[in-house]
Amino acid sequence: MRDLFISVPIWVVAVVLLAFFVAVTVVARAVVTRRCGDASREELADEAVRLLTGLAATFAFFVGFSITVTWGAVAAGQAAVEQQSSAIQQMNWSLNNIPDKVTSAELRQKLRLYATTAAYENADDLARGDTSHLPSAIPLDRFQDALHTYAFGPIVPKAEVSSLVSAAATLGATSAAVSAVAHRTLPDLLAILLLVTGLLVAGVMGVSTVTARHPVLMLVWCVIPALSITVVVALAFPFASGIGVDLAPLQSVAQQLAVH
């Protein structure tokens, strides 16, 4: 299901949801219109109008809670990306201050490869939540191995070792934080409750219009749950949508490292 949602444009999701809710509303209205007499229809319409207020409030609650949950993941992902970018910059500064310029250049080259891979090649895997084999994993391992080989060599001062190891640990932690956020999504139970509540709202809305000759507002009402759920879907996968996590800070750092 995750692959399906991230493989189609978000406007397609909105159109499909709108068509679904319109169909539910029209079917509910048609069933009541054909099966019930005039008196029964009026009674059902009155009950539906009273019920609609409570259902609409419940749906609004689930939408608000879902957006809060999903936006929290997006905010955490953006913070993790910015921290990763900052850690790479700090690591590059530390490497630039290594007295051995040959080793410094080699380590910075490995760091540059990792930063470029993380900025431009991880996006698809992060969107799918598949972080077990990120493209940046191998460059990161090679960089850390080379750094530890140098840092624990016989001629490196202890103060420099401490600084480099600390920066490397921070870099690894921020990379892991980005991967952790990629796994976040809307809980299945909450997604089901949201969809069921929207379905009930659409059905009750259709019943409430059985006494109307031209229920145009019925179709307009269907736009509300369709757009609401579309926003939730767009935020549910932090690295997949245009309103999700922006990798621009990481790309900016990669470009800076490529220049210097």
Protein backbone atom coordinates (compact mmCIF):
# COMPACT_ATOMS: atom_id res chain seq x y z
CA MET A 1 0.00 0.00 0.00
CA ARG A 2 2.86 2.38 0.79
CA ASP A 3 4.44 1.77 -2.62
CA LEU A 4 1.07 2.41 -4.27
CA PHE A 5 0.55 5.77 -2.59
CA ILE A 6 4.07 7.05 -3.28
CA SER A 7 3.99 5.92 -6.91
CA VAL A 8 0.99 8.06 -7.92
CA PRO A 9 0.66 11.86 -7.88
CA ILE A 10 -1.14 13.21 -4.85
CA TRP A 11 -3.85 14.79 -7.00
CA VAL A 12 -4.77 11.32 -8.27
CA VAL A 13 -5.36 10.24 -4.67
CA ALA A 14 -7.62 13.27 -4.17
CA VAL A 15 -9.64 12.52 -7.31
CA VAL A 16 -10.05 8.83 -6.40
CA LEU A 17 -11.18 9.70 -2.87
CA LEU A 18 -13.61 12.31 -4.19
CA ALA A 19 -15.10 9.80 -6.63
CA PHE A 20 -15.38 7.23 -3.83
CA PHE A 21 -17.21 9.55 -1.44
CA VAL A 22 -19.48 10.86 -4.18
CA ALA A 23 -20.38 7.26 -5.08
CA VAL A 24 -21.14 6.40 -1.44
CA THR A 25 -23.32 9.50 -1.06
CA VAL A 26 -25.23 8.91 -4.29
CA VAL A 27 -25.80 5.22 -3.51
CA ALA A 28 -27.03 5.96 0.03
CA ARG A 29 -29.46 8.56 -1.31
CA ALA A 30 -30.67 6.28 -4.12
CA VAL A 31 -31.31 3.35 -1.75
CA VAL A 32 -33.40 5.43 0.65
CA THR A 33 -35.26 7.16 -2.20
CA ARG A 34 -36.25 3.88 -3.82
CA ARG A 35 -37.01 1.81 -0.71
CA CYS A 36 -38.84 4.33 1.48
CA GLY A 37 -42.06 6.30 1.14
CA ASP A 38 -42.37 10.05 1.47
CA ALA A 39 -43.05 9.99 5.24
CA SER A 40 -40.19 7.61 5.94
CA ARG A 41 -37.85 9.65 3.79
CA GLU A 42 -38.60 12.84 5.69
CA GLU A 43 -38.12 11.08 9.01
CA LEU A 44 -34.81 9.55 7.90
CA ALA A 45 -33.65 12.88 6.51
CA ASP A 46 -34.34 14.62 9.84
CA GLU A 47 -32.51 11.93 11.78
CA ALA A 48 -29.60 12.05 9.35
CA VAL A 49 -29.26 15.82 9.73
CA ARG A 50 -29.07 15.45 13.51
CA LEU A 51 -26.60 12.59 13.24
CA LEU A 52 -24.46 14.39 10.68
CA THR A 53 -23.28 17.00 13.17
CA GLY A 54 -21.85 14.43 15.55
CA LEU A 55 -20.27 12.37 12.78
CA ALA A 56 -18.73 15.45 11.19
CA ALA A 57 -17.22 16.43 14.55
CA THR A 58 -15.83 12.91 15.01
CA PHE A 59 -14.37 12.95 11.51
CA ALA A 60 -12.80 16.35 12.15
CA PHE A 61 -11.27 14.99 15.36
CA PHE A 62 -9.71 12.02 13.57
CA VAL A 63 -8.43 14.26 10.78
CA GLY A 64 -6.88 16.69 13.25
CA PHE A 65 -5.29 13.91 15.26
CA SER A 66 -3.96 12.21 12.10
CA ILE A 67 -2.44 15.44 10.82
CA THR A 68 -0.84 16.05 14.22
CA VAL A 69 0.72 12.56 14.20
CA THR A 70 1.94 12.75 10.62
CA TRP A 71 3.18 16.33 10.83
CA GLY A 72 5.15 15.35 13.90
CA ALA A 73 6.97 12.76 11.78
CA VAL A 74 7.66 15.33 9.05
CA ALA A 75 8.99 17.83 11.59
CA ALA A 76 11.20 15.16 13.18
CA GLY A 77 12.49 14.11 9.76
CA GLN A 78 13.31 17.68 8.77
CA ALA A 79 15.14 18.23 12.06
CA ALA A 80 17.09 14.99 11.53
CA VAL A 81 18.12 16.02 8.01
CA GLU A 82 19.29 19.42 9.25
CA GLN A 83 21.25 17.80 12.07
CA GLN A 84 22.82 15.38 9.59
CA SER A 85 23.83 18.31 7.39
CA SER A 86 25.33 20.11 10.37
CA ALA A 87 27.23 16.96 11.43
CA ILE A 88 28.73 16.61 7.95
CA GLN A 89 29.86 20.23 7.99
CA GLN A 90 31.40 19.79 11.44
CA MET A 91 33.12 16.60 10.32
CA ASN A 92 34.52 18.34 7.25
CA TRP A 93 35.87 21.17 9.41
CA SER A 94 37.56 18.68 11.73
CA LEU A 95 39.14 16.83 8.82
CA ASN A 96 40.34 20.07 7.29
CA ASN A 97 42.33 20.76 10.46
CA ILE A 98 44.25 17.48 10.33
CA PRO A 99 47.98 18.27 10.06
CA ASP A 100 48.56 15.43 7.61
CA LYS A 101 47.17 17.04 4.46
CA VAL A 102 47.34 13.87 2.37
CA THR A 103 45.24 11.96 4.88
CA SER A 104 42.98 14.96 5.27
CA ALA A 105 42.28 15.04 1.53
CA GLU A 106 41.59 11.30 1.42
CA LEU A 107 39.16 11.41 4.33
CA ARG A 108 37.39 14.48 2.98
CA GLN A 109 36.98 12.72 -0.36
CA LYS A 110 35.29 9.78 1.37
CA LEU A 111 33.11 12.17 3.36
CA ARG A 112 32.19 14.00 0.15
CA LEU A 113 31.13 10.73 -1.47
CA TYR A 114 28.96 9.87 1.52
CA ALA A 115 27.33 13.31 1.60
CA THR A 116 26.57 13.24 -2.13
CA THR A 117 25.11 9.75 -1.95
CA ALA A 118 22.98 10.59 1.09
CA ALA A 119 21.70 13.78 -0.53
CA TYR A 120 20.80 12.45 -3.95
CA GLU A 121 20.52 8.64 -3.89
CA ASN A 122 18.76 7.87 -0.62
CA ALA A 123 15.48 9.60 -1.45
CA ASP A 124 13.64 6.66 -3.05
CA ASP A 125 14.58 4.22 -0.30
CA LEU A 126 13.64 6.70 2.42
CA ALA A 127 10.27 7.30 0.74
CA ARG A 128 9.55 3.57 0.75
CA GLY A 129 10.76 3.22 4.33
CA ASP A 130 13.36 0.69 3.18
CA THR A 131 16.50 1.68 5.06
CA SER A 132 18.15 -1.74 5.35
CA HIS A 133 20.28 -1.16 2.24
CA LEU A 134 20.56 2.59 1.82
CA PRO A 135 22.98 3.63 -0.97
CA SER A 136 24.83 5.82 1.54
CA ALA A 137 25.47 2.95 3.98
CA ILE A 138 28.58 1.62 2.22
CA PRO A 139 30.23 5.07 1.72
CA LEU A 140 29.53 5.83 5.39
CA ASP A 141 31.10 2.55 6.54
CA ARG A 142 34.17 3.13 4.38
CA PHE A 143 34.56 6.67 5.67
CA GLN A 144 34.22 5.59 9.31
CA ASP A 145 36.66 2.71 8.83
CA ALA A 146 39.25 5.03 7.24
CA LEU A 147 38.72 7.63 9.96
CA HIS A 148 39.18 5.12 12.79
CA THR A 149 42.27 3.69 11.10
CA TYR A 150 43.82 7.15 11.07
CA ALA A 151 42.51 8.29 14.47
CA PHE A 152 43.89 5.30 16.34
CA GLY A 153 47.22 5.38 14.58
CA PRO A 154 50.42 5.76 16.62
CA ILE A 155 51.16 9.39 15.78
CA VAL A 156 47.77 11.05 16.29
CA PRO A 157 47.43 13.18 19.46
CA LYS A 158 44.77 12.06 21.96
CA ALA A 159 42.93 15.37 21.77
CA GLU A 160 42.58 15.02 18.02
CA VAL A 161 41.42 11.41 18.40
CA SER A 162 38.70 12.45 20.82
CA SER A 163 37.46 15.21 18.52
CA LEU A 164 37.38 13.03 15.41
CA VAL A 165 35.71 10.06 17.11
CA SER A 166 33.08 12.32 18.67
CA ALA A 167 32.31 13.93 15.30
CA ALA A 168 32.11 10.50 13.65
CA ALA A 169 29.70 9.26 16.32
CA THR A 170 27.50 12.31 15.81
CA LEU A 171 27.51 11.76 12.07
CA GLY A 172 26.46 8.13 12.50
CA ALA A 173 23.74 9.05 15.00
CA THR A 174 22.19 11.68 12.73
CA SER A 175 22.21 9.27 9.80
CA ALA A 176 20.43 6.69 11.95
CA ALA A 177 17.88 9.32 13.05
CA VAL A 178 16.96 10.04 9.42
CA SER A 179 16.52 6.32 8.76
CA ALA A 180 14.35 5.95 11.86
CA VAL A 181 11.97 8.71 10.76
CA ALA A 182 11.60 7.06 7.33
CA HIS A 183 9.87 4.13 9.05
CA ARG A 184 7.18 6.32 10.58
CA THR A 185 3.73 6.31 9.05
CA LEU A 186 0.09 6.66 10.07
CA PRO A 187 -0.97 3.77 12.36
CA ASP A 188 -3.17 1.28 10.53
CA LEU A 189 -5.96 1.51 13.12
CA LEU A 190 -6.09 5.28 12.87
CA ALA A 191 -6.16 5.11 9.07
CA ILE A 192 -9.07 2.64 9.21
CA LEU A 193 -11.00 4.79 11.69
CA LEU A 194 -10.46 7.84 9.52
CA LEU A 195 -11.69 6.09 6.38
CA VAL A 196 -14.68 4.47 8.12
CA THR A 197 -15.73 7.77 9.69
CA GLY A 198 -15.48 9.52 6.33
CA LEU A 199 -17.53 6.72 4.79
CA LEU A 200 -20.23 7.13 7.44
CA VAL A 201 -20.28 10.89 6.97
CA ALA A 202 -20.73 10.48 3.22
CA GLY A 203 -23.51 7.92 3.65
CA VAL A 204 -25.40 9.98 6.22
CA MET A 205 -24.98 13.06 4.03
CA GLY A 206 -26.63 11.20 1.18
CA VAL A 207 -29.55 10.16 3.39
CA SER A 208 -29.99 13.73 4.67
CA THR A 209 -30.64 14.96 1.11
CA VAL A 210 -33.42 12.53 0.15
CA THR A 211 -36.02 15.28 0.42
CA ALA A 212 -34.07 17.68 -1.79
CA ARG A 213 -34.76 17.74 -5.52
CA HIS A 214 -31.32 19.01 -6.59
CA PRO A 215 -28.80 18.15 -3.84
CA VAL A 216 -25.84 20.02 -5.29
CA LEU A 217 -24.35 20.71 -1.86
CA MET A 218 -24.13 16.96 -1.33
CA LEU A 219 -21.39 16.79 -3.93
CA VAL A 220 -19.64 19.84 -2.51
CA TRP A 221 -19.63 18.21 0.93
CA CYS A 222 -17.78 15.20 -0.48
CA VAL A 223 -14.83 17.45 -1.27
CA ILE A 224 -14.17 17.96 2.45
CA PRO A 225 -13.40 14.35 3.45
CA ALA A 226 -11.60 13.75 0.15
CA LEU A 227 -9.21 16.68 0.64
CA SER A 228 -8.81 16.01 4.36
CA ILE A 229 -7.73 12.41 3.85
CA THR A 230 -5.51 13.47 0.93
CA VAL A 231 -3.60 15.81 3.24
CA VAL A 232 -3.19 13.02 5.78
CA VAL A 233 -1.93 10.66 3.06
CA ALA A 234 0.52 13.29 1.82
CA LEU A 235 1.97 13.69 5.31
CA ALA A 236 1.84 9.99 6.23
CA PHE A 237 5.06 9.21 4.34
CA PRO A 238 7.58 11.86 5.49
CA PHE A 239 10.07 11.50 2.63
CA ALA A 240 7.60 10.76 -0.18
CA SER A 241 5.51 13.87 -0.78
CA GLY A 242 6.09 17.43 -1.82
CA ILE A 243 4.96 18.71 1.58
CA GLY A 244 7.15 16.24 3.46
CA VAL A 245 10.82 16.34 4.42
CA ASP A 246 13.02 18.52 2.22
CA LEU A 247 16.52 17.18 1.55
CA ALA A 248 17.69 20.61 0.34
CA PRO A 249 19.93 21.27 3.41
CA LEU A 250 21.78 18.01 2.81
CA GLN A 251 22.08 18.71 -0.90
CA SER A 252 23.43 22.17 -0.18
CA VAL A 253 26.14 20.73 2.05
CA ALA A 254 27.03 18.11 -0.57
CA GLN A 255 27.41 20.85 -3.17
CA GLN A 256 29.64 22.88 -0.85
CA LEU A 257 31.89 19.89 -0.23
CA ALA A 258 32.10 19.25 -3.97
CA VAL A 259 33.35 22.81 -4.58
CA HIS A 260 36.05 22.79 -1.90
